[in-house]
Protein backbone atom coordinates (compact mmCIF):
# COMPACT_ATOMS: atom_id res chain seq x y z
CA UNK A 1 0.00 0.00 0.00
CA UNK A 2 1.42 3.45 -0.91
CA UNK A 3 1.88 6.42 1.47
CA UNK A 4 -1.37 8.10 0.35
CA UNK A 5 -3.32 4.94 1.12
CA UNK A 6 -1.66 4.68 4.55
CA UNK A 7 -2.69 8.25 5.40
CA UNK A 8 -6.21 7.48 4.25
CA UNK A 9 -6.31 4.40 6.50
CA UNK A 10 -5.12 6.44 9.50
CA UNK A 11 -7.74 9.14 8.98
CA UNK A 12 -10.56 6.64 8.50
CA UNK A 13 -9.50 4.52 11.46
CA UNK A 14 -9.46 7.56 13.74
CA UNK A 15 -13.04 8.34 12.78
CA UNK A 16 -14.08 4.78 13.66
CA UNK A 17 -13.07 4.59 17.33
CA UNK A 18 -9.40 3.73 16.68
CA UNK A 19 -10.09 0.32 15.18
CA UNK A 20 -6.80 -1.56 14.91
CA UNK A 21 -5.52 -4.87 13.64
CA UNK A 22 -5.86 -7.35 16.49
CA UNK A 23 -9.06 -5.83 17.88
CA UNK A 24 -12.21 -7.87 18.42
CA UNK A 25 -15.49 -7.04 16.70
CA UNK A 26 -19.03 -8.38 16.71
CA UNK A 27 -21.42 -8.29 13.75
CA UNK A 28 -24.85 -9.94 13.81
CA UNK A 29 -23.87 -11.95 16.92
CA UNK A 30 -20.76 -13.31 15.19
CA UNK A 31 -17.37 -12.41 16.66
CA UNK A 32 -13.86 -12.36 15.31
CA UNK A 33 -10.43 -10.68 15.16
CA UNK A 34 -9.54 -7.84 12.83
CA UNK A 35 -6.56 -9.09 10.80
CA UNK A 36 -6.29 -6.45 8.07
CA UNK A 37 -7.35 -2.85 7.39
CA UNK A 38 -6.80 -1.33 3.96
CA UNK A 39 -7.72 -1.39 0.30
CA UNK A 40 -8.19 -4.49 -1.84
CA UNK A 41 -5.91 -4.27 -4.85
CA UNK A 42 -8.02 -5.32 -7.81
CA UNK A 43 -8.96 -3.75 -11.12
CA UNK A 44 -12.62 -4.32 -10.20
CA UNK A 45 -12.45 -2.68 -6.77
CA UNK A 46 -12.78 0.99 -5.86
CA UNK A 47 -9.41 1.91 -4.35
CA UNK A 48 -11.08 4.64 -2.31
CA UNK A 49 -12.95 2.04 -0.23
CA UNK A 50 -11.29 0.65 2.89
CA UNK A 51 -11.91 -2.94 3.87
CA UNK A 52 -11.48 -4.85 7.10
CA UNK A 53 -10.25 -8.44 7.01
CA UNK A 54 -11.83 -10.54 9.76
CA UNK A 55 -10.94 -13.95 11.15
CA UNK A 56 -14.19 -15.28 12.63
CA UNK A 57 -14.44 -17.45 15.74
CA UNK A 58 -17.08 -19.53 13.95
CA UNK A 59 -15.13 -21.83 11.57
CA UNK A 60 -17.98 -21.79 9.04
CA UNK A 61 -18.82 -18.06 9.10
CA UNK A 62 -16.19 -16.95 6.57
CA UNK A 63 -15.56 -17.59 2.88
CA UNK A 64 -11.79 -17.90 2.54
CA UNK A 65 -8.41 -18.05 4.31
CA UNK A 66 -7.49 -14.37 3.97
CA UNK A 67 -6.86 -14.57 0.24
CA UNK A 68 -8.75 -12.40 -2.24
CA UNK A 69 -8.25 -12.84 -5.99
CA UNK A 70 -4.99 -14.74 -5.53
CA UNK A 71 -3.50 -12.17 -3.15
CA UNK A 72 -2.87 -12.97 0.52
CA UNK A 73 -3.96 -10.18 2.87
CA UNK A 74 -3.90 -12.12 6.16
CA UNK A 75 -3.63 -15.69 7.38
CA UNK A 76 -6.41 -17.80 8.90
CA UNK A 77 -7.91 -21.25 8.48
CA UNK A 78 -10.08 -22.02 5.48
CA UNK A 79 -13.61 -20.60 5.64
CA UNK A 80 -12.83 -18.42 8.67
CA UNK A 81 -11.96 -15.23 6.75
CA UNK A 82 -14.12 -12.42 5.38
CA UNK A 83 -13.75 -8.84 4.15
CA UNK A 84 -16.21 -6.15 5.28
CA UNK A 85 -16.24 -2.48 4.38
CA UNK A 86 -14.81 -0.36 7.17
CA UNK A 87 -17.79 1.96 7.05
CA UNK A 88 -20.08 -0.96 7.88
CA UNK A 89 -18.31 -1.46 11.21
CA UNK A 90 -20.00 1.73 12.40
CA UNK A 91 -23.08 -0.50 12.78
CA UNK A 92 -21.12 -2.60 15.27
CA UNK A 93 -20.88 -0.53 18.48
CA UNK A 94 -17.90 -0.87 20.82
CA UNK A 95 -17.58 0.62 24.28
CA UNK A 96 -14.97 1.26 26.91
CA UNK A 97 -15.32 -0.16 30.40
CA UNK A 98 -15.93 3.36 31.69
CA UNK A 99 -18.79 3.85 29.20
CA UNK A 100 -20.38 0.57 30.28
CA UNK A 101 -20.00 1.46 33.94
CA UNK A 102 -21.72 4.80 33.47
CA UNK A 103 -24.43 3.28 31.31
CA UNK A 104 -25.37 0.58 33.82
CA UNK A 105 -24.75 2.19 37.20
CA UNK A 106 -24.76 6.01 36.88
CA UNK A 107 -27.96 7.83 35.82
CA UNK A 108 -27.52 11.49 36.71
CA UNK A 109 -31.07 12.41 35.63
CA UNK A 110 -32.93 10.00 37.93
CA UNK A 111 -34.03 12.76 40.30
CA UNK A 112 -35.11 14.97 37.43
CA UNK A 113 -37.25 12.14 36.01
CA UNK A 114 -38.77 11.28 39.38
CA UNK A 115 -39.81 14.91 40.00
CA UNK A 116 -41.69 15.14 36.72
CA UNK A 117 -45.45 15.02 37.23
CA UNK A 118 -46.52 15.39 33.64
CA UNK A 119 -45.45 12.10 32.01
CA UNK A 120 -48.23 10.07 30.37
CA UNK A 121 -48.60 6.65 28.77
CA UNK A 122 -51.53 7.05 26.40
CA UNK A 123 -54.12 8.97 28.37
CA UNK A 124 -52.89 7.68 31.74
CA UNK A 125 -50.37 9.51 33.88
CA UNK A 126 -47.30 7.47 34.82
CA UNK A 127 -46.62 7.18 38.54
CA UNK A 128 -42.95 6.69 39.46
CA UNK A 129 -42.34 4.33 42.36
CA UNK A 130 -39.00 3.70 44.03
CA UNK A 131 -36.97 6.42 42.28
CA UNK A 132 -35.85 7.97 45.58
CA UNK A 133 -34.41 4.64 46.64
CA UNK A 134 -32.76 4.13 43.23
CA UNK A 135 -31.27 7.62 43.31
CA UNK A 136 -29.77 6.93 46.74
CA UNK A 137 -28.30 3.71 45.40
CA UNK A 138 -26.56 5.44 42.49
CA UNK A 139 -25.27 8.24 44.76
CA UNK A 140 -23.52 5.46 46.70
CA UNK A 141 -21.91 3.84 43.65
CA UNK A 142 -18.55 4.06 45.34
CA UNK A 143 -19.72 1.37 47.78
CA UNK A 144 -20.53 -1.20 45.05
CA UNK A 145 -19.21 -4.68 45.88
CA UNK A 146 -20.25 -6.43 42.68
CA UNK A 147 -19.98 -4.97 39.16
CA UNK A 148 -21.30 -7.04 36.23
CA UNK A 149 -21.10 -5.71 32.66
CA UNK A 150 -21.21 -8.82 30.44
CA UNK A 151 -22.11 -8.50 26.74
CA UNK A 152 -21.44 -4.74 26.67
CA UNK A 153 -19.08 -4.90 23.65
CA UNK A 154 -16.27 -3.58 25.89
CA UNK A 155 -12.93 -3.48 24.06
CA UNK A 156 -10.78 -1.27 26.30
CA UNK A 157 -10.57 0.20 29.79
CA UNK A 158 -11.29 3.85 28.84
CA UNK A 159 -9.20 6.97 28.72
CA UNK A 160 -10.71 8.45 31.89
CA UNK A 161 -10.53 5.23 33.92
CA UNK A 162 -8.46 6.87 36.66
CA UNK A 163 -11.41 9.12 37.47
CA UNK A 164 -13.32 6.01 38.56
CA UNK A 165 -10.73 4.94 41.11
CA UNK A 166 -13.15 5.58 43.99
CA UNK A 167 -15.85 3.50 42.27
CA UNK A 168 -13.56 0.48 41.83
CA UNK A 169 -11.86 0.67 45.22
CA UNK A 170 -14.55 -1.34 47.04
CA UNK A 171 -15.43 -3.79 44.25
CA UNK A 172 -14.92 -7.43 45.24
CA UNK A 173 -16.48 -9.19 42.22
CA UNK A 174 -16.02 -8.01 38.62
CA UNK A 175 -17.76 -9.72 35.70
CA UNK A 176 -16.43 -8.73 32.26
CA UNK A 177 -17.48 -11.90 30.46
CA UNK A 178 -18.51 -12.07 26.79
CA UNK A 179 -17.01 -8.75 25.77
CA UNK A 180 -14.54 -7.80 23.03
CA UNK A 181 -11.31 -7.32 25.00
CA UNK A 182 -8.31 -8.77 23.18
CA UNK A 183 -5.50 -6.77 24.80
CA UNK A 184 -4.83 -8.20 28.26
CA UNK A 185 -3.15 -4.97 29.36
CA UNK A 186 -6.61 -3.35 29.32
CA UNK A 187 -7.76 -5.87 31.94
CA UNK A 188 -4.69 -5.13 34.04
CA UNK A 189 -5.46 -1.39 33.93
CA UNK A 190 -8.93 -2.02 35.36
CA UNK A 191 -7.93 -4.40 38.15
CA UNK A 192 -4.99 -2.20 39.18
CA UNK A 193 -7.58 0.26 40.54
CA UNK A 194 -9.70 -2.42 42.24
CA UNK A 195 -7.68 -3.00 45.38
CA UNK A 196 -10.43 -5.07 47.07
CA UNK A 197 -11.07 -7.34 44.07
CA UNK A 198 -11.36 -11.04 44.95
CA UNK A 199 -13.21 -12.56 41.96
CA UNK A 200 -12.60 -11.80 38.27
CA UNK A 201 -14.72 -13.27 35.46
CA UNK A 202 -13.34 -12.91 31.92
CA UNK A 203 -14.97 -15.81 30.05
CA UNK A 204 -15.48 -15.51 26.28
CA UNK A 205 -13.12 -12.66 25.74
CA UNK A 206 -10.31 -13.79 23.45
CA UNK A 207 -6.72 -12.89 24.31
CA UNK A 208 -3.63 -13.17 22.14
CA UNK A 209 0.10 -12.76 22.85
CA UNK A 210 0.05 -11.71 26.50
CA UNK A 211 3.29 -10.02 27.48
CA UNK A 212 5.06 -11.16 30.65
CA UNK A 213 6.78 -7.79 31.10
CA UNK A 214 3.64 -5.80 31.89
CA UNK A 215 3.69 -4.16 35.30
CA UNK A 216 0.81 -4.35 37.75
CA UNK A 217 0.40 -3.62 41.41
CA UNK A 218 -0.10 -6.73 43.51
CA UNK A 219 -3.67 -8.01 43.60
CA UNK A 220 -5.51 -10.32 45.96
CA UNK A 221 -7.71 -12.08 43.40
CA UNK A 222 -8.61 -15.59 44.57
CA UNK A 223 -11.14 -16.68 41.93
CA UNK A 224 -10.40 -16.39 38.20
CA UNK A 225 -12.77 -17.51 35.44
CA UNK A 226 -11.33 -17.61 31.91
CA UNK A 227 -13.46 -20.11 30.00
CA UNK A 228 -13.17 -19.89 26.22
CA UNK A 229 -10.48 -17.19 26.27
CA UNK A 230 -7.43 -18.76 24.63
CA UNK A 231 -6.19 -20.39 21.43
CA UNK A 232 -2.80 -21.42 22.79
CA UNK A 233 -1.47 -22.56 26.15
CA UNK A 234 1.44 -20.11 26.26
CA UNK A 235 -0.97 -17.17 26.30
CA UNK A 236 -3.05 -18.82 29.01
CA UNK A 237 0.05 -19.56 31.09
CA UNK A 238 1.34 -15.98 30.77
CA UNK A 239 -1.99 -14.63 32.01
CA UNK A 240 -1.73 -16.67 35.20
CA UNK A 241 1.58 -15.03 36.12
CA UNK A 242 -0.37 -11.89 37.06
CA UNK A 243 -2.50 -13.75 39.62
CA UNK A 244 -0.16 -15.38 42.16
CA UNK A 245 -2.82 -15.98 44.82
CA UNK A 246 -5.40 -17.91 42.77
CA UNK A 247 -7.31 -20.53 44.75
CA UNK A 248 -10.18 -21.21 42.29
CA UNK A 249 -9.50 -21.41 38.56
CA UNK A 250 -11.94 -22.00 35.70
CA UNK A 251 -10.20 -22.55 32.33
CA UNK A 252 -12.70 -24.75 30.49
CA UNK A 253 -13.40 -24.77 26.74
CA UNK A 254 -10.08 -23.27 25.71
CA UNK A 255 -8.86 -24.40 22.29
CA UNK A 256 -5.29 -25.30 23.17
CA UNK A 257 -3.09 -28.19 24.20
CA UNK A 258 -2.54 -27.92 27.95
CA UNK A 259 0.76 -28.41 29.73
CA UNK A 260 -0.52 -29.52 33.12
CA UNK A 261 2.93 -29.78 34.70
CA UNK A 262 3.53 -26.05 34.13
CA UNK A 263 -0.06 -25.21 35.03
CA UNK A 264 0.19 -26.98 38.39
CA UNK A 265 3.49 -25.26 39.17
CA UNK A 266 1.98 -21.84 38.36
CA UNK A 267 -0.97 -22.32 40.75
CA UNK A 268 0.37 -24.05 43.87
CA UNK A 269 -2.47 -22.73 46.09
CA UNK A 270 -5.37 -24.10 44.02
CA UNK A 271 -8.38 -25.40 45.92
CA UNK A 272 -10.80 -25.62 42.99
CA UNK A 273 -10.07 -26.36 39.32
CA UNK A 274 -12.50 -26.55 36.39
CA UNK A 275 -11.18 -28.23 33.21
CA UNK A 276 -14.45 -29.02 31.43
CA UNK A 277 -14.37 -29.75 27.68
CA UNK A 278 -10.60 -29.45 27.38
CA UNK A 279 -9.94 -32.52 25.21
CA UNK A 280 -8.36 -34.50 28.07
CA UNK A 281 -8.10 -38.14 26.99
CA UNK A 282 -6.31 -39.88 29.87
CA UNK A 283 -6.33 -39.65 33.65
CA UNK A 284 -2.55 -39.76 33.65
CA UNK A 285 -2.43 -36.25 32.12
CA UNK A 286 -3.89 -34.92 35.37
CA UNK A 287 -1.29 -36.49 37.65
CA UNK A 288 0.61 -33.20 38.23
CA UNK A 289 -2.44 -31.79 40.05
CA UNK A 290 -2.29 -34.70 42.48
CA UNK A 291 0.62 -33.01 44.24
CA UNK A 292 -1.41 -29.90 45.10
CA UNK A 293 -2.00 -30.29 48.81
CA UNK A 294 -4.98 -27.89 48.88
CA UNK A 295 -6.93 -29.15 45.84
CA UNK A 296 -10.44 -30.14 46.97
CA UNK A 297 -12.65 -29.71 43.89
CA UNK A 298 -11.93 -30.93 40.35
CA UNK A 299 -14.36 -30.73 37.43
CA UNK A 300 -13.54 -32.74 34.29
CA UNK A 301 -16.93 -32.82 32.55
CA UNK A 302 -17.14 -33.23 28.79
CA UNK A 303 -13.69 -34.74 28.20
CA UNK A 304 -12.66 -38.06 26.62
CA UNK A 305 -11.38 -39.93 29.68
CA UNK A 306 -12.11 -43.67 29.34
CA UNK A 307 -10.48 -45.00 32.52
CA UNK A 308 -9.19 -43.86 35.91
CA UNK A 309 -6.06 -45.02 37.66
CA UNK A 310 -5.41 -43.37 41.04
CA UNK A 311 -1.85 -44.39 41.79
CA UNK A 312 1.35 -43.06 43.27
CA UNK A 313 4.19 -42.13 40.93
CA UNK A 314 7.11 -39.75 40.60
CA UNK A 315 4.81 -36.69 40.80
CA UNK A 316 3.36 -37.63 44.19
CA UNK A 317 5.00 -36.83 47.50
CA UNK A 318 6.51 -39.55 49.67
CA UNK A 319 4.52 -42.28 47.94
CA UNK A 320 1.20 -40.84 49.10
CA UNK A 321 -2.01 -41.18 47.12
CA UNK A 322 -2.46 -38.48 44.49
CA UNK A 323 -5.38 -36.10 45.13
CA UNK A 324 -5.28 -36.88 48.83
CA UNK A 325 -7.51 -33.89 49.76
CA UNK A 326 -9.95 -34.13 46.84
CA UNK A 327 -13.55 -33.90 48.12
CA UNK A 328 -15.48 -33.27 44.86
CA UNK A 329 -15.01 -34.59 41.34
CA UNK A 330 -17.20 -34.17 38.24
CA UNK A 331 -16.71 -36.90 35.62
CA UNK A 332 -19.91 -36.34 33.62
CA UNK A 333 -19.72 -36.56 29.85
CA UNK A 334 -16.63 -38.78 29.64
CA UNK A 335 -16.24 -42.31 28.25
CA UNK A 336 -15.98 -44.21 31.51
CA UNK A 337 -17.24 -47.78 31.87
CA UNK A 338 -17.16 -50.62 34.39
CA UNK A 339 -16.87 -51.21 38.14
CA UNK A 340 -13.14 -50.43 37.96
CA UNK A 341 -14.05 -46.71 37.80
CA UNK A 342 -15.76 -46.87 41.20
CA UNK A 343 -13.03 -49.07 42.65
CA UNK A 344 -10.38 -46.52 41.64
CA UNK A 345 -12.41 -43.70 43.20
CA UNK A 346 -12.26 -45.57 46.52
CA UNK A 347 -8.57 -44.65 46.57
CA UNK A 348 -9.52 -40.97 47.02
CA UNK A 349 -9.71 -40.91 50.83
CA UNK A 350 -11.49 -37.53 51.17
CA UNK A 351 -14.07 -37.94 48.34
CA UNK A 352 -17.50 -36.71 49.50
CA UNK A 353 -19.27 -35.62 46.31
CA UNK A 354 -19.35 -37.26 42.87
CA UNK A 355 -21.01 -36.30 39.60
CA UNK A 356 -21.01 -38.95 36.88
CA UNK A 357 -23.24 -40.09 34.02
CA UNK A 358 -25.11 -43.38 34.12
CA UNK A 359 -22.22 -45.83 34.42
CA UNK A 360 -22.49 -49.13 32.56
CA UNK A 361 -20.76 -52.42 33.20
CA UNK A 362 -18.51 -53.89 30.51
CA UNK A 363 -21.56 -55.92 29.43
CA UNK A 364 -23.65 -52.79 28.99
CA UNK A 365 -25.79 -53.03 32.14
CA UNK A 366 -26.51 -49.98 34.30
CA UNK A 367 -24.61 -49.90 37.58
CA UNK A 368 -27.18 -49.07 40.30
CA UNK A 369 -26.82 -46.28 42.85
CA UNK A 370 -26.31 -48.65 45.79
CA UNK A 371 -23.03 -49.85 44.23
CA UNK A 372 -21.57 -46.31 44.43
CA UNK A 373 -22.76 -45.75 47.99
CA UNK A 374 -21.75 -49.19 49.20
CA UNK A 375 -18.27 -48.97 47.74
CA UNK A 376 -17.49 -45.28 48.50
CA UNK A 377 -17.42 -45.05 52.27
CA UNK A 378 -17.34 -41.25 52.73
CA UNK A 379 -19.62 -40.23 49.84
CA UNK A 380 -22.27 -37.67 50.90
CA UNK A 381 -23.60 -36.51 47.49
CA UNK A 382 -24.11 -38.48 44.28
CA UNK A 383 -25.07 -36.39 41.24
CA UNK A 384 -26.18 -33.60 43.53
CA UNK A 385 -28.47 -35.83 45.62
CA UNK A 386 -27.74 -36.03 49.34
CA UNK A 387 -27.11 -39.50 50.75
CA UNK A 388 -29.01 -39.76 54.03
CA UNK A 389 -28.03 -42.09 56.87
CA UNK A 390 -30.96 -44.36 56.08
CA UNK A 391 -30.07 -44.54 52.37
CA UNK A 392 -26.48 -45.37 53.24
CA UNK A 393 -27.58 -48.10 55.61
CA UNK A 394 -29.97 -49.62 53.06
CA UNK A 395 -27.41 -49.35 50.26
CA UNK A 396 -24.72 -51.04 52.33
CA UNK A 397 -27.12 -53.86 53.23
CA UNK A 398 -27.99 -54.32 49.55
CA UNK A 399 -24.29 -54.25 48.70
CA UNK A 400 -23.59 -56.93 51.31
CA UNK A 401 -26.39 -59.06 49.85
CA UNK A 402 -24.87 -58.63 46.39
CA UNK A 403 -21.42 -59.61 47.72
CA UNK A 404 -22.79 -62.74 49.39
CA UNK A 405 -24.44 -63.84 46.15
CA UNK A 406 -21.32 -63.27 44.07
CA UNK A 407 -18.76 -64.52 46.58
CA UNK A 408 -19.87 -68.10 45.91
CA UNK A 409 -18.16 -67.90 42.51
CA UNK A 410 -14.81 -66.39 43.64
CA UNK A 411 -11.99 -67.08 46.06
CA UNK A 412 -11.65 -64.91 49.17
CA UNK A 413 -8.61 -63.14 47.69
CA UNK A 414 -10.42 -62.44 44.41
CA UNK A 415 -13.53 -61.24 46.23
CA UNK A 416 -11.55 -58.69 48.26
CA UNK A 417 -10.15 -57.26 45.02
CA UNK A 418 -13.54 -57.18 43.28
CA UNK A 419 -15.55 -55.77 46.19
CA UNK A 420 -14.11 -52.72 47.98
CA UNK A 421 -14.86 -52.55 51.73
CA UNK A 422 -15.58 -56.31 51.85
CA UNK A 423 -13.51 -56.92 54.98
CA UNK A 424 -14.74 -53.74 56.68
CA UNK A 425 -18.45 -54.50 56.09
CA UNK A 426 -17.95 -58.12 57.04
CA UNK A 427 -16.63 -56.97 60.43
CA UNK A 428 -19.12 -54.14 61.00
CA UNK A 429 -22.20 -56.10 59.88
CA UNK A 430 -21.01 -59.56 60.87
CA UNK A 431 -24.43 -61.00 61.82
CA UNK A 432 -26.21 -59.75 58.70
CA UNK A 433 -23.30 -60.80 56.48
CA UNK A 434 -23.27 -64.33 57.92
CA UNK A 435 -27.05 -64.61 57.62
CA UNK A 436 -27.09 -63.65 53.95
CA UNK A 437 -24.08 -65.80 53.17
CA UNK A 438 -25.81 -68.84 54.68
CA UNK A 439 -28.96 -68.10 52.65
CA UNK A 440 -27.04 -68.09 49.40
CA UNK A 441 -25.12 -71.21 50.38
CA UNK A 442 -28.43 -73.02 50.84
CA UNK A 443 -29.75 -71.64 47.57
CA UNK A 444 -26.57 -72.62 45.75
CA UNK A 445 -27.03 -76.24 46.81
CA UNK A 446 -30.72 -76.34 45.94
CA UNK A 447 -31.55 -77.91 42.60
CA UNK A 448 -34.61 -77.26 40.48
CA UNK A 449 -36.08 -78.83 37.35
CA UNK A 450 -36.30 -76.49 34.38
CA UNK A 451 -37.29 -77.04 30.76
CA UNK A 452 -35.52 -75.31 27.92
CA UNK A 453 -37.69 -74.75 24.84
CA UNK A 454 -36.14 -73.73 21.53
CA UNK A 455 -38.90 -71.66 19.91
CA UNK A 456 -37.65 -71.78 16.34
CA UNK A 457 -36.70 -75.45 16.23
CA UNK A 458 -39.18 -77.41 14.09
CA UNK A 459 -37.63 -80.78 14.97
CA UNK A 460 -38.96 -83.08 17.65
CA UNK A 461 -35.91 -82.35 19.76
CA UNK A 462 -37.00 -78.80 20.65
CA UNK A 463 -37.35 -79.32 24.42
CA UNK A 464 -34.83 -80.33 27.03
CA UNK A 465 -35.63 -80.90 30.71
CA UNK A 466 -32.94 -81.12 33.33
CA UNK A 467 -32.28 -80.64 37.05
CA UNK A 468 -29.83 -77.78 37.65
CA UNK A 469 -28.53 -75.86 40.70
CA UNK A 470 -30.15 -72.50 41.44
CA UNK A 471 -26.69 -70.95 41.50
CA UNK A 472 -25.89 -71.72 37.86
CA UNK A 473 -25.17 -68.47 36.01
CA UNK A 474 -27.09 -67.48 32.88
CA UNK A 475 -23.95 -67.71 30.76
CA UNK A 476 -23.47 -71.36 31.73
CA UNK A 477 -27.11 -72.09 30.89
CA UNK A 478 -26.61 -70.52 27.46
CA UNK A 479 -23.58 -72.72 26.88
CA UNK A 480 -25.66 -75.80 27.68
CA UNK A 481 -28.36 -74.60 25.27
CA UNK A 482 -25.85 -74.03 22.46
CA UNK A 483 -24.50 -77.54 22.88
CA UNK A 484 -27.90 -79.23 23.22
CA UNK A 485 -29.64 -77.51 20.30
CA UNK A 486 -26.59 -76.93 18.08
CA UNK A 487 -27.10 -73.19 18.09
CA UNK A 488 -24.92 -70.47 16.67
CA UNK A 489 -22.76 -67.97 18.57
CA UNK A 490 -23.32 -67.62 22.30
CA UNK A 491 -23.77 -63.82 22.17
CA UNK A 492 -26.73 -64.30 19.80
CA UNK A 493 -28.73 -66.35 22.32
CA UNK A 494 -31.60 -64.78 24.29
CA UNK A 495 -33.30 -66.51 27.23
CA UNK A 496 -36.59 -65.56 28.85
CA UNK A 497 -39.42 -67.02 30.92
CA UNK A 498 -43.05 -66.05 31.32
CA UNK A 499 -45.08 -65.32 34.41
CA UNK A 500 -48.85 -64.92 34.71
CA UNK A 501 -50.20 -62.00 36.73
CA UNK A 502 -52.35 -62.96 39.73
CA UNK A 503 -54.56 -59.92 39.08
CA UNK A 504 -55.62 -60.11 35.45
CA UNK A 505 -54.05 -63.31 34.07
CA UNK A 506 -51.83 -61.25 31.75
CA UNK A 507 -48.52 -62.80 30.67
CA UNK A 508 -45.23 -60.90 31.21
CA UNK A 509 -41.87 -61.86 29.71
CA UNK A 510 -38.77 -61.68 31.93
CA UNK A 511 -35.46 -61.71 30.07
CA UNK A 512 -32.34 -63.27 31.59
CA UNK A 513 -30.27 -60.32 30.36
CA UNK A 514 -27.26 -60.48 32.69
CA UNK A 515 -24.93 -63.40 31.94
CA UNK A 516 -23.23 -63.11 35.34
CA UNK A 517 -26.46 -63.52 37.34
CA UNK A 518 -27.72 -66.82 38.69
CA UNK A 519 -31.14 -68.43 38.16
CA UNK A 520 -32.03 -67.66 41.78
CA UNK A 521 -31.44 -63.95 41.12
CA UNK A 522 -34.33 -63.98 38.63
CA UNK A 523 -36.56 -65.91 41.02
CA UNK A 524 -36.76 -68.99 38.76
CA UNK A 525 -38.55 -71.83 40.55
CA UNK A 526 -38.91 -75.55 40.14
CA UNK A 527 -40.78 -76.41 36.92
CA UNK A 528 -40.08 -73.12 35.13
CA UNK A 529 -40.02 -73.18 31.32
CA UNK A 530 -37.22 -71.08 29.83
CA UNK A 531 -37.55 -70.12 26.17
CA UNK A 532 -34.57 -69.87 23.84
CA UNK A 533 -34.45 -67.52 20.92
CA UNK A 534 -31.88 -65.84 18.73
CA UNK A 535 -31.44 -62.10 18.38
CA UNK A 536 -32.14 -62.15 14.63
CA UNK A 537 -35.56 -63.76 15.22
CA UNK A 538 -36.78 -61.39 17.92
CA UNK A 539 -39.41 -58.73 17.41
CA UNK A 540 -37.58 -56.11 19.44
CA UNK A 541 -40.54 -53.75 19.48
CA UNK A 542 -42.39 -56.19 21.70
């Protein structure tokens, strides 16, 4: 671009609120970064028109990668770039923090409005109620504890920010979320005047290239929320250097590859950490946080974690369990499966609250609530629901009953590995444990006569009657059926029995859908007919 064009850009930019490359803008609820300001060199374009090149946050909002008619004006990913006339940006308002503060909290004409007695709505006079109280509130703006100006299109602190020093001095909570701030130094200007600030919310502003040489007076901010603010970890990490006393950190939904070793070292005082939707794929990535002696709350919702392994390793101190003080963990929206997840959580000695999706066994069966409560000794809340003393007692009794049924198929050593708290509950509830164990021993010895009927076998040999122990598992019964009737693969076999209602003589089918369960679990009695079918022949809608 020649000198004349540069001068033209400078003049036009000044008239449009000092728009600069690197600024954030919003048009029709779509946001992005300004990457270019100038003319588009083309024989078909008017060289007197200035254009703004925008890299949109939305990866489908744009039309190109910063290239126009084979010339590269800026760099961005494909379909994230657009050009818009500079004059059209006048339709996209931007404000300073000072402007937003005055707009929301300072109305100098309140008293004038309240004293007016001649305002009408239609033919009815408007009566003002509460204006005296509101006016008093705005006179005392300097005593505000909580300032919230989200979605105000704020892009800078404001030239007369220092005049608002008294207003900011008492503020303890500041919410600047979902604005257009891209220069982190503007945030530092604001908080440097807020000496009482404890909580800072910056979510959905987008920051780039934060300098580590910026100066700022010491702050006492304890809670920092920066969800959806960063494209790279280095920028995120540099931002944390300005907040040495952080105890609660929210950095979810940031599009970057995290370095958790550096992150843990930068925030040694953390008590609460939110890492939702951060692309975490393994539990091992989180091990560095296990050394933080104060960490009590950890949210990992919406990640890709498929297993948990709470172990000691080189990151942990003196061979102690990682996450020794962790009281709350959110694992919703991950890819977890199986009882091993719960068994690993038992290694967190302080765990009191757990959030997790419906957890399935490896065979695809839902793990019931009593299994969590029975296995996790100190758990007080499960998915936000309080666990009362009576529910804990009932759940532990049900868990003991489950153990006694399953223990018949395993050695003592194996049972202690499979069932957490087995020895403890056996000692605490010795009488109940012994009673249930004896019941299942009797049941396991009892034999009943059942008849297997192959529904789709047209041969004479479609029924088979045999005496079997009540303790035989469904999987073993399927194996016998496959051998007897020469059936196909075991996983294609479905077993069910029918029971007539005592009220209306209706017939209900009960499927033996858990291969690990015994016949006694399903209440199968002497003389029961069990039907055999194959998955391909079933009318699943019934």
